[in-house]
Amino acid sequence: MAIGKHVVPRPNGEWAVRNSGASRATKVFETQKEAIAFGRDAARKDGVEFYVHRKDGTIRERDSYGRDPHPPRG
């Protein structure tokens, strides 16, 4: 798993923001929307990848806020 921030579902219906590889949540929210806002901001500040998971755990969205090792040529 790449280093980053993950918005993940919790069994009770809440949503958590968790660092890659961490077993504990950084912060827990009632809605996915709140978790996404917090997680995206944290990923931007830390310059890391940002992942949003679906309720089944699969990744539905991914953004990179770090230095791109393969930037587009233009």
C-alpha atoms as a PDB file:
ATOM      1  CA  MET A   1       0.000   0.000   0.000  1.00  0.00           C
ATOM      2  CA  ALA A   2       1.354   3.403  -0.935  1.00  0.00           C
ATOM      3  CA  ILE A   3       1.944   6.035   1.728  1.00  0.00           C
ATOM      4  CA  GLY A   4      -1.079   8.252   2.058  1.00  0.00           C
ATOM      5  CA  LYS A   5      -4.391   9.064   3.695  1.00  0.00           C
ATOM      6  CA  HIS A   6      -7.338   6.684   3.350  1.00  0.00           C
ATOM      7  CA  VAL A   7     -11.044   7.323   3.898  1.00  0.00           C
ATOM      8  CA  VAL A   8     -12.376   3.950   5.025  1.00  0.00           C
ATOM      9  CA  PRO A   9     -15.743   2.599   6.209  1.00  0.00           C
ATOM     10  CA  ARG A  10     -16.234   1.393   9.761  1.00  0.00           C
ATOM     11  CA  PRO A  11     -18.546  -1.487  10.727  1.00  0.00           C
ATOM     12  CA  ASN A  12     -20.933   0.856  12.583  1.00  0.00           C
ATOM     13  CA  GLY A  13     -21.564   3.005   9.477  1.00  0.00           C
ATOM     14  CA  GLU A  14     -19.134   5.771  10.357  1.00  0.00           C
ATOM     15  CA  TRP A  15     -16.155   6.757   8.187  1.00  0.00           C
ATOM     16  CA  ALA A  16     -12.547   7.080   9.294  1.00  0.00           C
ATOM     17  CA  VAL A  17      -9.446   8.782   7.960  1.00  0.00           C
ATOM     18  CA  ARG A  18      -6.431   6.539   8.443  1.00  0.00           C
ATOM     19  CA  ASN A  19      -2.770   6.746   7.463  1.00  0.00           C
ATOM     20  CA  SER A  20      -1.433   3.961   5.233  1.00  0.00           C
ATOM     21  CA  GLY A  21      -0.382   0.992   7.335  1.00  0.00           C
ATOM     22  CA  ALA A  22      -1.973   2.328  10.515  1.00  0.00           C
ATOM     23  CA  SER A  23      -4.403   0.186  12.463  1.00  0.00           C
ATOM     24  CA  ARG A  24      -6.003   3.125  14.264  1.00  0.00           C
ATOM     25  CA  ALA A  25      -7.953   5.958  12.707  1.00  0.00           C
ATOM     26  CA  THR A  26      -6.637   9.514  12.734  1.00  0.00           C
ATOM     27  CA  LYS A  27     -10.204  10.813  13.032  1.00  0.00           C
ATOM     28  CA  VAL A  28     -13.733   9.377  12.737  1.00  0.00           C
ATOM     29  CA  PHE A  29     -16.733  11.041  11.069  1.00  0.00           C
ATOM     30  CA  GLU A  30     -20.453  10.338  10.773  1.00  0.00           C
ATOM     31  CA  THR A  31     -20.464  10.855   6.994  1.00  0.00           C
ATOM     32  CA  GLN A  32     -18.134   9.967   4.158  1.00  0.00           C
ATOM     33  CA  LYS A  33     -18.360  13.552   2.896  1.00  0.00           C
ATOM     34  CA  GLU A  34     -16.909  14.925   6.161  1.00  0.00           C
ATOM     35  CA  ALA A  35     -14.155  12.310   6.136  1.00  0.00           C
ATOM     36  CA  ILE A  36     -13.251  13.129   2.509  1.00  0.00           C
ATOM     37  CA  ALA A  37     -12.963  16.862   3.258  1.00  0.00           C
ATOM     38  CA  PHE A  38     -10.680  16.231   6.249  1.00  0.00           C
ATOM     39  CA  GLY A  39      -8.618  13.531   4.521  1.00  0.00           C
ATOM     40  CA  ARG A  40      -8.098  15.493   1.301  1.00  0.00           C
ATOM     41  CA  ASP A  41      -6.897  18.528   3.259  1.00  0.00           C
ATOM     42  CA  ALA A  42      -4.519  16.360   5.326  1.00  0.00           C
ATOM     43  CA  ALA A  43      -3.143  14.685   2.164  1.00  0.00           C
ATOM     44  CA  ARG A  44      -2.514  18.095   0.567  1.00  0.00           C
ATOM     45  CA  LYS A  45      -0.707  19.346   3.675  1.00  0.00           C
ATOM     46  CA  ASP A  46       1.447  16.208   3.908  1.00  0.00           C
ATOM     47  CA  GLY A  47       2.020  15.950   0.129  1.00  0.00           C
ATOM     48  CA  VAL A  48       0.867  12.314  -0.054  1.00  0.00           C
ATOM     49  CA  GLU A  49      -1.583  10.091  -1.934  1.00  0.00           C
ATOM     50  CA  PHE A  50      -5.283  10.285  -1.045  1.00  0.00           C
ATOM     51  CA  TYR A  51      -7.644   7.296  -1.335  1.00  0.00           C
ATOM     52  CA  VAL A  52     -11.418   7.102  -0.908  1.00  0.00           C
ATOM     53  CA  HIS A  53     -12.798   3.605  -0.322  1.00  0.00           C
ATOM     54  CA  ARG A  54     -16.323   2.324  -0.944  1.00  0.00           C
ATOM     55  CA  LYS A  55     -18.339   0.574   1.743  1.00  0.00           C
ATOM     56  CA  ASP A  56     -17.018  -2.758   0.418  1.00  0.00           C
ATOM     57  CA  GLY A  57     -13.437  -1.546   0.905  1.00  0.00           C
ATOM     58  CA  THR A  58     -12.502  -1.160  -2.759  1.00  0.00           C
ATOM     59  CA  ILE A  59     -10.950   2.125  -3.886  1.00  0.00           C
ATOM     60  CA  ARG A  60     -13.380   4.435  -5.683  1.00  0.00           C
ATOM     61  CA  GLU A  61     -11.169   7.520  -5.995  1.00  0.00           C
ATOM     62  CA  ARG A  62      -7.476   8.344  -5.805  1.00  0.00           C
ATOM     63  CA  ASP A  63      -5.573  11.634  -5.958  1.00  0.00           C
ATOM     64  CA  SER A  64      -1.907  12.445  -5.598  1.00  0.00           C
ATOM     65  CA  TYR A  65      -0.730  15.525  -3.746  1.00  0.00           C
ATOM     66  CA  GLY A  66       2.942  14.592  -3.681  1.00  0.00           C
ATOM     67  CA  ARG A  67       5.741  15.194  -6.140  1.00  0.00           C
ATOM     68  CA  ASP A  68       4.876  13.365  -9.341  1.00  0.00           C
ATOM     69  CA  PRO A  69       7.801  11.151 -10.430  1.00  0.00           C
ATOM     70  CA  HIS A  70       6.355  11.097 -13.974  1.00  0.00           C
ATOM     71  CA  PRO A  71       4.937  14.577 -14.668  1.00  0.00           C
ATOM     72  CA  PRO A  72       3.230  15.192 -18.010  1.00  0.00           C
ATOM     73  CA  ARG A  73       5.382  16.687 -20.733  1.00  0.00           C
ATOM     74  CA  GLY A  74       4.084  19.839 -22.179  1.00  0.00           C
END
